[in-house]
């Protein structure tokens, strides 16, 4: 069973990574920023006592970051194509 904190914070990571991928102009800085965001969020949550272990939280955050990053990048590409035509 998933923890409510992991669910809400995973969704927040998904949204934040989508926004980063949408606003970033290049792929490498976006990927680095999203990876740093996910790792720091997981470590901080465990350090503050909000979650018991880093590993499951990092998996949840990595999945959310991957999905959000891909969706943000694809949406940015679609918007760029619409502006050109």
PDB file of N, CA and C in Angstrom:
ATOM      1  N   UNK A   1       0.856  -1.175   0.000  1.00  0.00           N
ATOM      2  CA  UNK A   1       0.000   0.000   0.000  1.00  0.00           C
ATOM      3  C   UNK A   1       0.902   1.238   0.000  1.00  0.00           C
ATOM      4  N   UNK A   2       0.567   2.179  -0.836  1.00  0.00           N
ATOM      5  CA  UNK A   2       1.387   3.379  -0.949  1.00  0.00           C
ATOM      6  C   UNK A   2       1.003   4.391   0.129  1.00  0.00           C
ATOM      7  N   UNK A   3       1.980   5.060   0.620  1.00  0.00           N
ATOM      8  CA  UNK A   3       1.785   6.076   1.640  1.00  0.00           C
ATOM      9  C   UNK A   3       1.204   7.335   0.993  1.00  0.00           C
ATOM     10  N   UNK A   4       0.360   8.047   1.715  1.00  0.00           N
ATOM     11  CA  UNK A   4      -0.257   9.265   1.184  1.00  0.00           C
ATOM     12  C   UNK A   4       0.790  10.331   0.888  1.00  0.00           C
ATOM     13  N   UNK A   5       1.804  10.434   1.744  1.00  0.00           N
ATOM     14  CA  UNK A   5       2.874  11.395   1.492  1.00  0.00           C
ATOM     15  C   UNK A   5       3.598  11.079   0.194  1.00  0.00           C
ATOM     16  N   UNK A   6       3.894   9.796  -0.048  1.00  0.00           N
ATOM     17  CA  UNK A   6       4.592   9.401  -1.272  1.00  0.00           C
ATOM     18  C   UNK A   6       3.738   9.689  -2.503  1.00  0.00           C
ATOM     19  N   UNK A   7       2.459   9.486  -2.396  1.00  0.00           N
ATOM     20  CA  UNK A   7       1.559   9.739  -3.517  1.00  0.00           C
ATOM     21  C   UNK A   7       1.500  11.226  -3.859  1.00  0.00           C
ATOM     22  N   UNK A   8       1.296  12.050  -2.872  1.00  0.00           N
ATOM     23  CA  UNK A   8       1.176  13.499  -3.100  1.00  0.00           C
ATOM     24  C   UNK A   8       2.513  14.085  -3.545  1.00  0.00           C
ATOM     25  N   UNK A   9       3.593  13.701  -2.880  1.00  0.00           N
ATOM     26  CA  UNK A   9       4.890  14.253  -3.257  1.00  0.00           C
ATOM     27  C   UNK A   9       5.358  13.718  -4.615  1.00  0.00           C
ATOM     28  N   UNK A  10       5.003  12.489  -4.954  1.00  0.00           N
ATOM     29  CA  UNK A  10       5.315  11.950  -6.277  1.00  0.00           C
ATOM     30  C   UNK A  10       4.600  12.716  -7.369  1.00  0.00           C
ATOM     31  N   UNK A  11       3.355  13.082  -7.113  1.00  0.00           N
ATOM     32  CA  UNK A  11       2.614  13.895  -8.079  1.00  0.00           C
ATOM     33  C   UNK A  11       3.224  15.291  -8.201  1.00  0.00           C
ATOM     34  N   UNK A  12       3.691  15.842  -7.089  1.00  0.00           N
ATOM     35  CA  UNK A  12       4.345  17.150  -7.133  1.00  0.00           C
ATOM     36  C   UNK A  12       5.648  17.075  -7.936  1.00  0.00           C
ATOM     37  N   UNK A  13       6.401  15.996  -7.785  1.00  0.00           N
ATOM     38  CA  UNK A  13       7.624  15.803  -8.571  1.00  0.00           C
ATOM     39  C   UNK A  13       7.276  15.661 -10.042  1.00  0.00           C
ATOM     40  N   UNK A  14       6.222  14.948 -10.357  1.00  0.00           N
ATOM     41  CA  UNK A  14       5.784  14.794 -11.736  1.00  0.00           C
ATOM     42  C   UNK A  14       5.469  16.156 -12.354  1.00  0.00           C
ATOM     43  N   UNK A  15       4.721  16.981 -11.646  1.00  0.00           N
ATOM     44  CA  UNK A  15       4.357  18.310 -12.155  1.00  0.00           C
ATOM     45  C   UNK A  15       5.579  19.214 -12.281  1.00  0.00           C
ATOM     46  N   UNK A  16       6.448  19.184 -11.285  1.00  0.00           N
ATOM     47  CA  UNK A  16       7.640  20.036 -11.318  1.00  0.00           C
ATOM     48  C   UNK A  16       8.579  19.621 -12.444  1.00  0.00           C
ATOM     49  N   UNK A  17       8.750  18.336 -12.657  1.00  0.00           N
ATOM     50  CA  UNK A  17       9.629  17.892 -13.736  1.00  0.00           C
ATOM     51  C   UNK A  17       9.033  18.197 -15.105  1.00  0.00           C
ATOM     52  N   UNK A  18       7.723  18.125 -15.218  1.00  0.00           N
ATOM     53  CA  UNK A  18       7.082  18.524 -16.471  1.00  0.00           C
ATOM     54  C   UNK A  18       7.294  19.993 -16.761  1.00  0.00           C
ATOM     55  N   UNK A  19       7.197  20.816 -15.742  1.00  0.00           N
ATOM     56  CA  UNK A  19       7.422  22.256 -15.912  1.00  0.00           C
ATOM     57  C   UNK A  19       8.881  22.550 -16.266  1.00  0.00           C
ATOM     58  N   UNK A  20       9.804  21.859 -15.623  1.00  0.00           N
ATOM     59  CA  UNK A  20      11.223  22.052 -15.936  1.00  0.00           C
ATOM     60  C   UNK A  20      11.512  21.641 -17.375  1.00  0.00           C
ATOM     61  N   UNK A  21      11.003  20.498 -17.789  1.00  0.00           N
ATOM     62  CA  UNK A  21      11.247  20.029 -19.151  1.00  0.00           C
ATOM     63  C   UNK A  21      10.576  20.927 -20.183  1.00  0.00           C
ATOM     64  N   UNK A  22       9.449  21.511 -19.840  1.00  0.00           N
ATOM     65  CA  UNK A  22       8.756  22.391 -20.775  1.00  0.00           C
ATOM     66  C   UNK A  22       9.495  23.712 -20.941  1.00  0.00           C
ATOM     67  N   UNK A  23      10.025  24.258 -19.849  1.00  0.00           N
ATOM     68  CA  UNK A  23      10.664  25.570 -19.916  1.00  0.00           C
ATOM     69  C   UNK A  23      12.122  25.509 -20.323  1.00  0.00           C
ATOM     70  N   UNK A  24      12.796  24.379 -20.131  1.00  0.00           N
ATOM     71  CA  UNK A  24      14.210  24.279 -20.489  1.00  0.00           C
ATOM     72  C   UNK A  24      14.348  24.207 -22.005  1.00  0.00           C
ATOM     73  N   UNK A  25      15.365  24.860 -22.519  1.00  0.00           N
ATOM     74  CA  UNK A  25      15.585  24.884 -23.968  1.00  0.00           C
ATOM     75  C   UNK A  25      16.398  23.695 -24.445  1.00  0.00           C
ATOM     76  N   UNK A  26      17.235  23.148 -23.597  1.00  0.00           N
ATOM     77  CA  UNK A  26      18.096  22.024 -23.970  1.00  0.00           C
ATOM     78  C   UNK A  26      17.784  20.817 -23.087  1.00  0.00           C
ATOM     79  N   UNK A  27      18.085  19.650 -23.622  1.00  0.00           N
ATOM     80  CA  UNK A  27      17.733  18.411 -22.936  1.00  0.00           C
ATOM     81  C   UNK A  27      18.629  18.127 -21.730  1.00  0.00           C
ATOM     82  N   UNK A  28      19.931  18.284 -21.870  1.00  0.00           N
ATOM     83  CA  UNK A  28      20.841  17.926 -20.789  1.00  0.00           C
ATOM     84  C   UNK A  28      20.628  18.748 -19.515  1.00  0.00           C
ATOM     85  N   UNK A  29      20.490  20.083 -19.583  1.00  0.00           N
ATOM     86  CA  UNK A  29      20.217  20.814 -18.343  1.00  0.00           C
ATOM     87  C   UNK A  29      18.888  20.429 -17.702  1.00  0.00           C
ATOM     88  N   UNK A  30      17.904  20.125 -18.507  1.00  0.00           N
ATOM     89  CA  UNK A  30      16.604  19.708 -17.966  1.00  0.00           C
ATOM     90  C   UNK A  30      16.723  18.374 -17.243  1.00  0.00           C
ATOM     91  N   UNK A  31      17.423  17.432 -17.832  1.00  0.00           N
ATOM     92  CA  UNK A  31      17.594  16.112 -17.210  1.00  0.00           C
ATOM     93  C   UNK A  31      18.376  16.234 -15.905  1.00  0.00           C
ATOM     94  N   UNK A  32      19.431  17.029 -15.911  1.00  0.00           N
ATOM     95  CA  UNK A  32      20.211  17.210 -14.699  1.00  0.00           C
ATOM     96  C   UNK A  32      19.403  17.881 -13.592  1.00  0.00           C
ATOM     97  N   UNK A  33      18.636  18.899 -13.943  1.00  0.00           N
ATOM     98  CA  UNK A  33      17.821  19.588 -12.943  1.00  0.00           C
ATOM     99  C   UNK A  33      16.744  18.672 -12.375  1.00  0.00           C
ATOM    100  N   UNK A  34      16.136  17.880 -13.217  1.00  0.00           N
ATOM    101  CA  UNK A  34      15.092  16.956 -12.764  1.00  0.00           C
ATOM    102  C   UNK A  34      15.692  15.866 -11.870  1.00  0.00           C
ATOM    103  N   UNK A  35      16.847  15.345 -12.241  1.00  0.00           N
ATOM    104  CA  UNK A  35      17.498  14.310 -11.424  1.00  0.00           C
ATOM    105  C   UNK A  35      17.895  14.859 -10.060  1.00  0.00           C
ATOM    106  N   UNK A  36      18.456  16.052 -10.046  1.00  0.00           N
ATOM    107  CA  UNK A  36      18.832  16.670  -8.767  1.00  0.00           C
ATOM    108  C   UNK A  36      17.595  16.910  -7.910  1.00  0.00           C
ATOM    109  N   UNK A  37      16.523  17.365  -8.525  1.00  0.00           N
ATOM    110  CA  UNK A  37      15.275  17.599  -7.795  1.00  0.00           C
ATOM    111  C   UNK A  37      14.760  16.315  -7.149  1.00  0.00           C
ATOM    112  N   UNK A  38      14.738  15.219  -7.904  1.00  0.00           N
ATOM    113  CA  UNK A  38      14.217  13.957  -7.380  1.00  0.00           C
ATOM    114  C   UNK A  38      15.085  13.413  -6.244  1.00  0.00           C
ATOM    115  N   UNK A  39      16.398  13.445  -6.414  1.00  0.00           N
ATOM    116  CA  UNK A  39      17.290  12.902  -5.383  1.00  0.00           C
ATOM    117  C   UNK A  39      17.239  13.762  -4.115  1.00  0.00           C
ATOM    118  N   UNK A  40      17.313  15.071  -4.279  1.00  0.00           N
ATOM    119  CA  UNK A  40      17.268  15.949  -3.106  1.00  0.00           C
ATOM    120  C   UNK A  40      15.933  15.852  -2.371  1.00  0.00           C
ATOM    121  N   UNK A  41      14.847  15.725  -3.108  1.00  0.00           N
ATOM    122  CA  UNK A  41      13.542  15.599  -2.461  1.00  0.00           C
ATOM    123  C   UNK A  41      13.448  14.302  -1.667  1.00  0.00           C
ATOM    124  N   UNK A  42      13.949  13.206  -2.217  1.00  0.00           N
ATOM    125  CA  UNK A  42      13.902  11.923  -1.508  1.00  0.00           C
ATOM    126  C   UNK A  42      14.779  11.945  -0.261  1.00  0.00           C
ATOM    127  N   UNK A  43      15.984  12.450  -0.390  1.00  0.00           N
ATOM    128  CA  UNK A  43      16.895  12.496   0.755  1.00  0.00           C
ATOM    129  C   UNK A  43      16.354  13.428   1.838  1.00  0.00           C
ATOM    130  N   UNK A  44      15.805  14.555   1.437  1.00  0.00           N
ATOM    131  CA  UNK A  44      15.257  15.508   2.402  1.00  0.00           C
ATOM    132  C   UNK A  44      14.049  14.920   3.134  1.00  0.00           C
ATOM    133  N   UNK A  45      13.183  14.231   2.416  1.00  0.00           N
ATOM    134  CA  UNK A  45      12.006  13.639   3.056  1.00  0.00           C
ATOM    135  C   UNK A  45      12.404  12.594   4.092  1.00  0.00           C
ATOM    136  N   UNK A  46      13.409  11.801   3.788  1.00  0.00           N
ATOM    137  CA  UNK A  46      13.865  10.794   4.753  1.00  0.00           C
ATOM    138  C   UNK A  46      14.571  11.470   5.919  1.00  0.00           C
ATOM    139  N   UNK A  47      15.366  12.484   5.644  1.00  0.00           N
ATOM    140  CA  UNK A  47      16.077  13.194   6.711  1.00  0.00           C
ATOM    141  C   UNK A  47      15.107  13.883   7.674  1.00  0.00           C
ATOM    142  N   UNK A  48      14.005  14.410   7.153  1.00  0.00           N
ATOM    143  CA  UNK A  48      13.017  15.073   8.000  1.00  0.00           C
ATOM    144  C   UNK A  48      12.073  14.094   8.698  1.00  0.00           C
ATOM    145  N   UNK A  49      12.189  12.817   8.379  1.00  0.00           N
ATOM    146  CA  UNK A  49      11.369  11.815   9.032  1.00  0.00           C
ATOM    147  C   UNK A  49       9.993  11.629   8.417  1.00  0.00           C
ATOM    148  N   UNK A  50       9.792  12.117   7.214  1.00  0.00           N
ATOM    149  CA  UNK A  50       8.491  11.981   6.567  1.00  0.00           C
ATOM    150  C   UNK A  50       8.309  10.614   5.903  1.00  0.00           C
ATOM    151  N   UNK A  51       9.401   9.920   5.652  1.00  0.00           N
ATOM    152  CA  UNK A  51       9.347   8.602   5.029  1.00  0.00           C
ATOM    153  C   UNK A  51      10.454   7.756   5.638  1.00  0.00           C
ATOM    154  N   UNK A  52      10.278   6.446   5.643  1.00  0.00           N
ATOM    155  CA  UNK A  52      11.194   5.567   6.367  1.00  0.00           C
ATOM    156  C   UNK A  52      12.492   5.276   5.615  1.00  0.00           C
ATOM    157  N   UNK A  53      12.439   5.103   4.296  1.00  0.00           N
ATOM    158  CA  UNK A  53      13.610   4.683   3.550  1.00  0.00           C
ATOM    159  C   UNK A  53      13.731   5.473   2.253  1.00  0.00           C
ATOM    160  N   UNK A  54      14.947   5.663   1.800  1.00  0.00           N
ATOM    161  CA  UNK A  54      15.188   6.437   0.573  1.00  0.00           C
ATOM    162  C   UNK A  54      14.823   5.642  -0.673  1.00  0.00           C
ATOM    163  N   UNK A  55      15.114   4.350  -0.683  1.00  0.00           N
ATOM    164  CA  UNK A  55      14.979   3.566  -1.902  1.00  0.00           C
ATOM    165  C   UNK A  55      13.572   3.551  -2.485  1.00  0.00           C
ATOM    166  N   UNK A  56      12.514   3.216  -1.743  1.00  0.00           N
ATOM    167  CA  UNK A  56      11.190   3.227  -2.372  1.00  0.00           C
ATOM    168  C   UNK A  56      10.754   4.626  -2.785  1.00  0.00           C
ATOM    169  N   UNK A  57      11.112   5.606  -1.997  1.00  0.00           N
ATOM    170  CA  UNK A  57      10.733   6.978  -2.333  1.00  0.00           C
ATOM    171  C   UNK A  57      11.475   7.451  -3.576  1.00  0.00           C
ATOM    172  N   UNK A  58      12.736   7.062  -3.705  1.00  0.00           N
ATOM    173  CA  UNK A  58      13.509   7.438  -4.882  1.00  0.00           C
ATOM    174  C   UNK A  58      12.961   6.772  -6.140  1.00  0.00           C
ATOM    175  N   UNK A  59      12.482   5.555  -6.021  1.00  0.00           N
ATOM    176  CA  UNK A  59      11.865   4.876  -7.164  1.00  0.00           C
ATOM    177  C   UNK A  59      10.590   5.602  -7.579  1.00  0.00           C
ATOM    178  N   UNK A  60       9.778   5.967  -6.621  1.00  0.00           N
ATOM    179  CA  UNK A  60       8.541   6.704  -6.927  1.00  0.00           C
ATOM    180  C   UNK A  60       8.869   8.042  -7.581  1.00  0.00           C
ATOM    181  N   UNK A  61       9.843   8.751  -7.024  1.00  0.00           N
ATOM    182  CA  UNK A  61      10.220  10.058  -7.574  1.00  0.00           C
ATOM    183  C   UNK A  61      10.859   9.922  -8.951  1.00  0.00           C
ATOM    184  N   UNK A  62      11.661   8.888  -9.160  1.00  0.00           N
ATOM    185  CA  UNK A  62      12.292   8.702 -10.467  1.00  0.00           C
ATOM    186  C   UNK A  62      11.243   8.412 -11.542  1.00  0.00           C
ATOM    187  N   UNK A  63      10.247   7.603 -11.199  1.00  0.00           N
ATOM    188  CA  UNK A  63       9.171   7.333 -12.156  1.00  0.00           C
ATOM    189  C   UNK A  63       8.371   8.594 -12.465  1.00  0.00           C
ATOM    190  N   UNK A  64       8.046   9.362 -11.439  1.00  0.00           N
ATOM    191  CA  UNK A  64       7.328  10.616 -11.658  1.00  0.00           C
ATOM    192  C   UNK A  64       8.144  11.605 -12.452  1.00  0.00           C
ATOM    193  N   UNK A  65       9.444  11.677 -12.176  1.00  0.00           N
ATOM    194  CA  UNK A  65      10.316  12.603 -12.907  1.00  0.00           C
ATOM    195  C   UNK A  65      10.447  12.187 -14.366  1.00  0.00           C
ATOM    196  N   UNK A  66      10.539  10.898 -14.619  1.00  0.00           N
ATOM    197  CA  UNK A  66      10.636  10.412 -15.987  1.00  0.00           C
ATOM    198  C   UNK A  66       9.365  10.719 -16.775  1.00  0.00           C
ATOM    199  N   UNK A  67       8.226  10.409 -16.187  1.00  0.00           N
ATOM    200  CA  UNK A  67       6.957  10.664 -16.881  1.00  0.00           C
ATOM    201  C   UNK A  67       6.724  12.158 -17.080  1.00  0.00           C
ATOM    202  N   UNK A  68       6.966  12.946 -16.067  1.00  0.00           N
ATOM    203  CA  UNK A  68       6.775  14.385 -16.185  1.00  0.00           C
ATOM    204  C   UNK A  68       7.738  15.012 -17.162  1.00  0.00           C
ATOM    205  N   UNK A  69       8.991  14.572 -17.136  1.00  0.00           N
ATOM    206  CA  UNK A  69       9.984  15.106 -18.063  1.00  0.00           C
ATOM    207  C   UNK A  69       9.655  14.788 -19.504  1.00  0.00           C
ATOM    208  N   UNK A  70       9.237  13.555 -19.759  1.00  0.00           N
ATOM    209  CA  UNK A  70       8.862  13.186 -21.124  1.00  0.00           C
ATOM    210  C   UNK A  70       7.641  13.955 -21.607  1.00  0.00           C
ATOM    211  N   UNK A  71       6.644  14.070 -20.767  1.00  0.00           N
ATOM    212  CA  UNK A  71       5.433  14.800 -21.159  1.00  0.00           C
ATOM    213  C   UNK A  71       5.720  16.279 -21.382  1.00  0.00           C
ATOM    214  N   UNK A  72       6.532  16.872 -20.509  1.00  0.00           N
ATOM    215  CA  UNK A  72       6.887  18.274 -20.669  1.00  0.00           C
ATOM    216  C   UNK A  72       7.672  18.526 -21.941  1.00  0.00           C
ATOM    217  N   UNK A  73       8.624  17.646 -22.247  1.00  0.00           N
ATOM    218  CA  UNK A  73       9.429  17.795 -23.458  1.00  0.00           C
ATOM    219  C   UNK A  73       8.593  17.603 -24.716  1.00  0.00           C
ATOM    220  N   UNK A  74       7.715  16.611 -24.696  1.00  0.00           N
ATOM    221  CA  UNK A  74       6.854  16.388 -25.862  1.00  0.00           C
ATOM    222  C   UNK A  74       5.873  17.534 -26.074  1.00  0.00           C
ATOM    223  N   UNK A  75       5.353  18.074 -24.992  1.00  0.00           N
ATOM    224  CA  UNK A  75       4.433  19.204 -25.120  1.00  0.00           C
ATOM    225  C   UNK A  75       5.164  20.441 -25.622  1.00  0.00           C
ATOM    226  N   UNK A  76       6.388  20.655 -25.171  1.00  0.00           N
ATOM    227  CA  UNK A  76       7.177  21.795 -25.653  1.00  0.00           C
ATOM    228  C   UNK A  76       7.470  21.645 -27.138  1.00  0.00           C
ATOM    229  N   UNK A  77       7.773  20.430 -27.584  1.00  0.00           N
ATOM    230  CA  UNK A  77       8.020  20.194 -29.007  1.00  0.00           C
ATOM    231  C   UNK A  77       6.758  20.450 -29.826  1.00  0.00           C
ATOM    232  N   UNK A  78       5.620  20.005 -29.323  1.00  0.00           N
ATOM    233  CA  UNK A  78       4.353  20.213 -30.040  1.00  0.00           C
ATOM    234  C   UNK A  78       4.042  21.695 -30.155  1.00  0.00           C
ATOM    235  N   UNK A  79       4.267  22.444 -29.069  1.00  0.00           N
ATOM    236  CA  UNK A  79       4.018  23.907 -29.088  1.00  0.00           C
ATOM    237  C   UNK A  79       4.961  24.619 -30.062  1.00  0.00           C
ATOM    238  N   UNK A  80       6.213  24.151 -30.136  1.00  0.00           N
ATOM    239  CA  UNK A  80       7.171  24.765 -31.065  1.00  0.00           C
ATOM    240  C   UNK A  80       6.768  24.512 -32.511  1.00  0.00           C
ATOM    241  N   UNK A  81       6.264  23.325 -32.800  1.00  0.00           N
ATOM    242  CA  UNK A  81       5.801  23.029 -34.149  1.00  0.00           C
ATOM    243  C   UNK A  81       4.577  23.847 -34.524  1.00  0.00           C
ATOM    244  N   UNK A  82       3.688  24.079 -33.562  1.00  0.00           N
ATOM    245  CA  UNK A  82       2.496  24.881 -33.836  1.00  0.00           C
ATOM    246  C   UNK A  82       2.857  26.338 -34.094  1.00  0.00           C
ATOM    247  N   UNK A  83       3.884  26.832 -33.426  1.00  0.00           N
ATOM    248  CA  UNK A  83       4.308  28.213 -33.650  1.00  0.00           C
ATOM    249  C   UNK A  83       4.949  28.393 -35.010  1.00  0.00           C
ATOM    250  N   UNK A  84       5.659  27.384 -35.510  1.00  0.00           N
ATOM    251  CA  UNK A  84       6.299  27.474 -36.816  1.00  0.00           C
ATOM    252  C   UNK A  84       5.288  27.481 -37.948  1.00  0.00           C
ATOM    253  N   UNK A  85       4.170  26.793 -37.786  1.00  0.00           N
ATOM    254  CA  UNK A  85       3.194  26.736 -38.876  1.00  0.00           C
ATOM    255  C   UNK A  85       2.121  27.763 -38.777  1.00  0.00           C
TER     256      UNK A  85
END
